[in-house]
N, C-alpha and C. Protein backbone atom coordinates (compact mmCIF):
# COMPACT_ATOMS: atom_id res chain seq x y z
N MET A 1 41.41 116.99 20.45
CA MET A 1 42.16 117.96 21.22
C MET A 1 43.65 117.62 21.10
N ILE A 2 44.43 118.56 20.69
CA ILE A 2 45.87 118.37 20.54
C ILE A 2 46.58 119.05 21.71
N LEU A 3 47.41 118.29 22.39
CA LEU A 3 48.16 118.84 23.52
C LEU A 3 49.57 119.20 23.06
N ASP A 4 50.02 120.31 23.49
CA ASP A 4 51.37 120.77 23.18
C ASP A 4 52.37 119.94 23.96
N PHE A 5 53.31 119.31 23.27
CA PHE A 5 54.30 118.44 23.90
C PHE A 5 55.12 119.20 24.95
N SER A 6 55.48 120.45 24.66
CA SER A 6 56.29 121.22 25.62
C SER A 6 55.50 121.48 26.89
N LEU A 7 54.20 121.68 26.78
CA LEU A 7 53.36 121.88 27.96
C LEU A 7 53.30 120.60 28.79
N ILE A 8 53.15 119.46 28.11
CA ILE A 8 53.11 118.18 28.81
C ILE A 8 54.44 117.92 29.52
N MET A 9 55.55 118.19 28.86
CA MET A 9 56.86 117.97 29.49
C MET A 9 57.07 118.91 30.67
N ALA A 10 56.65 120.16 30.54
CA ALA A 10 56.79 121.11 31.64
C ALA A 10 56.00 120.64 32.86
N LEU A 11 54.78 120.16 32.63
CA LEU A 11 53.96 119.66 33.72
C LEU A 11 54.60 118.43 34.36
N PHE A 12 55.08 117.51 33.55
CA PHE A 12 55.74 116.32 34.06
C PHE A 12 56.96 116.67 34.91
N LEU A 13 57.79 117.58 34.41
CA LEU A 13 58.99 117.97 35.14
C LEU A 13 58.64 118.68 36.44
N ALA A 14 57.61 119.51 36.41
CA ALA A 14 57.19 120.20 37.63
C ALA A 14 56.73 119.19 38.67
N LEU A 15 55.96 118.20 38.26
CA LEU A 15 55.51 117.17 39.20
C LEU A 15 56.67 116.33 39.70
N ALA A 16 57.61 116.04 38.85
CA ALA A 16 58.78 115.25 39.24
C ALA A 16 59.62 115.99 40.26
N VAL A 17 59.78 117.30 40.10
CA VAL A 17 60.56 118.10 41.04
C VAL A 17 59.88 118.12 42.40
N VAL A 18 58.57 118.32 42.43
CA VAL A 18 57.85 118.34 43.70
C VAL A 18 57.95 116.98 44.38
N SER A 19 57.78 115.91 43.63
CA SER A 19 57.84 114.57 44.20
C SER A 19 59.23 114.27 44.76
N ALA A 20 60.26 114.71 44.06
CA ALA A 20 61.62 114.44 44.51
C ALA A 20 61.98 115.26 45.74
N ALA A 21 61.44 116.47 45.85
CA ALA A 21 61.79 117.35 46.95
C ALA A 21 61.03 117.01 48.23
N CYS A 22 59.87 116.39 48.11
CA CYS A 22 59.05 116.09 49.27
C CYS A 22 59.32 114.67 49.76
N PRO A 23 59.30 114.49 51.07
CA PRO A 23 59.48 113.13 51.58
C PRO A 23 58.30 112.27 51.14
N SER A 24 58.53 110.98 51.01
CA SER A 24 57.47 110.09 50.56
C SER A 24 56.36 109.96 51.61
N GLU A 25 56.70 110.15 52.85
CA GLU A 25 55.71 110.10 53.91
C GLU A 25 55.94 111.25 54.87
N CYS A 26 54.86 111.74 55.41
CA CYS A 26 55.01 112.81 56.39
C CYS A 26 55.55 112.22 57.69
N VAL A 27 55.95 113.09 58.58
CA VAL A 27 56.60 112.68 59.82
C VAL A 27 55.69 113.00 61.00
N GLY A 28 55.55 112.09 61.91
CA GLY A 28 54.80 112.35 63.13
C GLY A 28 53.33 111.99 63.01
N ASP A 29 52.58 112.35 64.05
CA ASP A 29 51.14 112.08 64.08
C ASP A 29 50.42 112.99 63.10
N SER A 30 49.31 112.53 62.59
CA SER A 30 48.51 113.33 61.68
C SER A 30 47.72 114.38 62.47
N PHE A 31 47.72 115.59 61.94
CA PHE A 31 46.98 116.67 62.57
C PHE A 31 45.52 116.60 62.16
N ASN A 32 44.64 117.15 63.00
CA ASN A 32 43.27 117.45 62.59
C ASN A 32 43.17 118.97 62.55
N SER A 33 42.02 119.51 62.22
CA SER A 33 41.89 120.96 62.05
C SER A 33 42.26 121.73 63.31
N THR A 34 41.89 121.21 64.47
CA THR A 34 42.16 121.89 65.74
C THR A 34 43.63 121.82 66.11
N THR A 35 44.21 120.62 66.02
CA THR A 35 45.61 120.48 66.42
C THR A 35 46.55 121.20 65.45
N LEU A 36 46.17 121.28 64.18
CA LEU A 36 47.00 122.02 63.23
C LEU A 36 46.99 123.51 63.55
N LEU A 37 45.84 124.04 63.90
CA LEU A 37 45.76 125.46 64.28
C LEU A 37 46.64 125.73 65.49
N THR A 38 46.61 124.85 66.46
CA THR A 38 47.46 124.99 67.64
C THR A 38 48.93 124.96 67.26
N ALA A 39 49.31 124.03 66.39
CA ALA A 39 50.71 123.90 65.99
C ALA A 39 51.18 125.10 65.17
N VAL A 40 50.35 125.58 64.26
CA VAL A 40 50.71 126.76 63.45
C VAL A 40 50.89 127.97 64.36
N ASN A 41 49.97 128.17 65.30
CA ASN A 41 50.11 129.29 66.23
C ASN A 41 51.39 129.17 67.05
N ALA A 42 51.72 127.96 67.47
CA ALA A 42 52.98 127.75 68.21
C ALA A 42 54.17 128.06 67.32
N TRP A 43 54.11 127.65 66.04
CA TRP A 43 55.21 127.89 65.11
C TRP A 43 55.41 129.39 64.89
N ILE A 44 54.32 130.10 64.76
CA ILE A 44 54.39 131.55 64.53
C ILE A 44 54.96 132.26 65.76
N THR A 45 54.59 131.78 66.94
CA THR A 45 55.05 132.39 68.18
C THR A 45 56.53 132.09 68.44
N ASP A 46 56.93 130.83 68.29
CA ASP A 46 58.31 130.42 68.56
C ASP A 46 58.60 129.15 67.77
N SER A 47 59.14 129.31 66.57
CA SER A 47 59.35 128.16 65.69
C SER A 47 60.33 127.15 66.27
N THR A 48 61.29 127.61 67.05
CA THR A 48 62.26 126.68 67.65
C THR A 48 61.58 125.77 68.66
N ALA A 49 60.77 126.34 69.53
CA ALA A 49 60.04 125.53 70.51
C ALA A 49 59.02 124.63 69.82
N ALA A 50 58.35 125.15 68.79
CA ALA A 50 57.38 124.34 68.06
C ALA A 50 58.05 123.18 67.34
N PHE A 51 59.25 123.43 66.82
CA PHE A 51 60.02 122.36 66.17
C PHE A 51 60.27 121.22 67.14
N ASP A 52 60.61 121.56 68.38
CA ASP A 52 60.88 120.54 69.39
C ASP A 52 59.64 119.69 69.69
N VAL A 53 58.47 120.31 69.60
CA VAL A 53 57.23 119.59 69.91
C VAL A 53 56.66 118.87 68.68
N TYR A 54 56.62 119.58 67.53
CA TYR A 54 55.90 119.08 66.36
C TYR A 54 56.81 118.63 65.21
N GLY A 55 58.10 118.91 65.28
CA GLY A 55 58.98 118.63 64.16
C GLY A 55 58.95 119.77 63.15
N ASN A 56 59.60 119.57 62.02
CA ASN A 56 59.69 120.61 61.01
C ASN A 56 58.35 120.81 60.31
N ILE A 57 57.93 122.03 60.18
CA ILE A 57 56.62 122.36 59.59
C ILE A 57 56.49 121.81 58.17
N THR A 58 57.59 121.64 57.47
CA THR A 58 57.53 121.17 56.09
C THR A 58 57.09 119.71 55.99
N THR A 59 57.20 118.95 57.06
CA THR A 59 56.87 117.53 57.02
C THR A 59 55.66 117.16 57.85
N TRP A 60 54.89 118.14 58.28
CA TRP A 60 53.71 117.83 59.09
C TRP A 60 52.69 117.04 58.29
N CYS A 61 52.06 116.06 58.94
CA CYS A 61 51.01 115.25 58.32
C CYS A 61 49.67 115.97 58.48
N VAL A 62 49.15 116.46 57.38
CA VAL A 62 47.91 117.24 57.45
C VAL A 62 46.74 116.51 56.78
N GLY A 63 46.90 115.21 56.58
CA GLY A 63 45.86 114.43 55.92
C GLY A 63 44.54 114.39 56.68
N GLY A 64 44.57 114.58 57.98
CA GLY A 64 43.35 114.56 58.78
C GLY A 64 42.67 115.91 58.92
N VAL A 65 43.22 116.91 58.27
CA VAL A 65 42.67 118.27 58.38
C VAL A 65 41.52 118.41 57.39
N THR A 66 40.37 118.86 57.90
CA THR A 66 39.20 119.04 57.04
C THR A 66 38.98 120.49 56.65
N SER A 67 39.59 121.42 57.38
CA SER A 67 39.46 122.83 57.05
C SER A 67 40.72 123.58 57.47
N MET A 68 41.24 124.36 56.53
CA MET A 68 42.37 125.24 56.83
C MET A 68 41.93 126.70 56.80
N GLU A 69 40.63 126.90 56.85
CA GLU A 69 40.09 128.25 56.85
C GLU A 69 40.58 128.99 58.09
N TYR A 70 41.04 130.18 57.89
CA TYR A 70 41.54 131.06 58.95
C TYR A 70 42.86 130.59 59.57
N LEU A 71 43.49 129.58 59.00
CA LEU A 71 44.69 129.00 59.60
C LEU A 71 45.80 130.02 59.78
N PHE A 72 45.99 130.89 58.80
CA PHE A 72 47.08 131.86 58.88
C PHE A 72 46.57 133.29 59.03
N ASP A 73 45.34 133.46 59.48
CA ASP A 73 44.74 134.79 59.61
C ASP A 73 45.45 135.68 60.61
N TYR A 74 46.02 135.11 61.63
CA TYR A 74 46.60 135.93 62.70
C TYR A 74 48.12 136.01 62.63
N VAL A 75 48.65 135.73 61.46
CA VAL A 75 50.10 135.81 61.28
C VAL A 75 50.51 137.28 61.29
N ARG A 76 51.42 137.61 62.15
CA ARG A 76 51.96 138.97 62.23
C ARG A 76 53.34 138.94 61.59
N GLY A 77 53.59 139.85 60.70
CA GLY A 77 54.90 139.89 60.05
C GLY A 77 54.96 138.91 58.89
N ASP A 78 56.13 138.43 58.62
CA ASP A 78 56.35 137.55 57.47
C ASP A 78 56.21 136.09 57.87
N PHE A 79 55.49 135.37 57.08
CA PHE A 79 55.44 133.91 57.19
C PHE A 79 55.84 133.38 55.84
N ASN A 80 57.00 132.79 55.75
CA ASN A 80 57.50 132.31 54.47
C ASN A 80 58.04 130.89 54.60
N GLU A 81 57.32 130.06 55.34
CA GLU A 81 57.74 128.68 55.51
C GLU A 81 57.31 127.86 54.30
N ASP A 82 58.06 126.84 53.99
CA ASP A 82 57.75 125.97 52.87
C ASP A 82 56.76 124.91 53.31
N ILE A 83 55.50 125.06 52.92
CA ILE A 83 54.49 124.06 53.22
C ILE A 83 54.03 123.38 51.94
N GLY A 84 54.84 123.47 50.92
CA GLY A 84 54.51 122.92 49.61
C GLY A 84 54.42 121.40 49.59
N CYS A 85 54.97 120.74 50.58
CA CYS A 85 54.91 119.27 50.62
C CYS A 85 53.71 118.76 51.43
N TRP A 86 52.94 119.66 51.99
CA TRP A 86 51.77 119.21 52.72
C TRP A 86 50.85 118.50 51.74
N ASP A 87 50.49 117.28 52.05
CA ASP A 87 49.58 116.49 51.21
C ASP A 87 48.16 116.78 51.65
N VAL A 88 47.48 117.63 50.90
CA VAL A 88 46.15 118.09 51.31
C VAL A 88 45.03 117.44 50.49
N ARG A 89 45.34 116.31 49.89
CA ARG A 89 44.29 115.62 49.11
C ARG A 89 43.29 114.96 50.00
């Protein structure tokens, strides 16, 4: 199997950009499925108040979450927060 060098470089650069943009560790207590749903609903309702309680949504620790099913089902309007740094492995 021959891999295209440009494809390999593009993948490497994409991973490097994500790694550089995301903090090395999440901030705060780790959420579980229930507490994350509560926090997301709070963020959707009033992101300023939720920030005061949970911190910035981009740095939430979601390692303890076992299911994100239905997490954003009840979002009304636009939800365009950056959750790309959530470590969901």
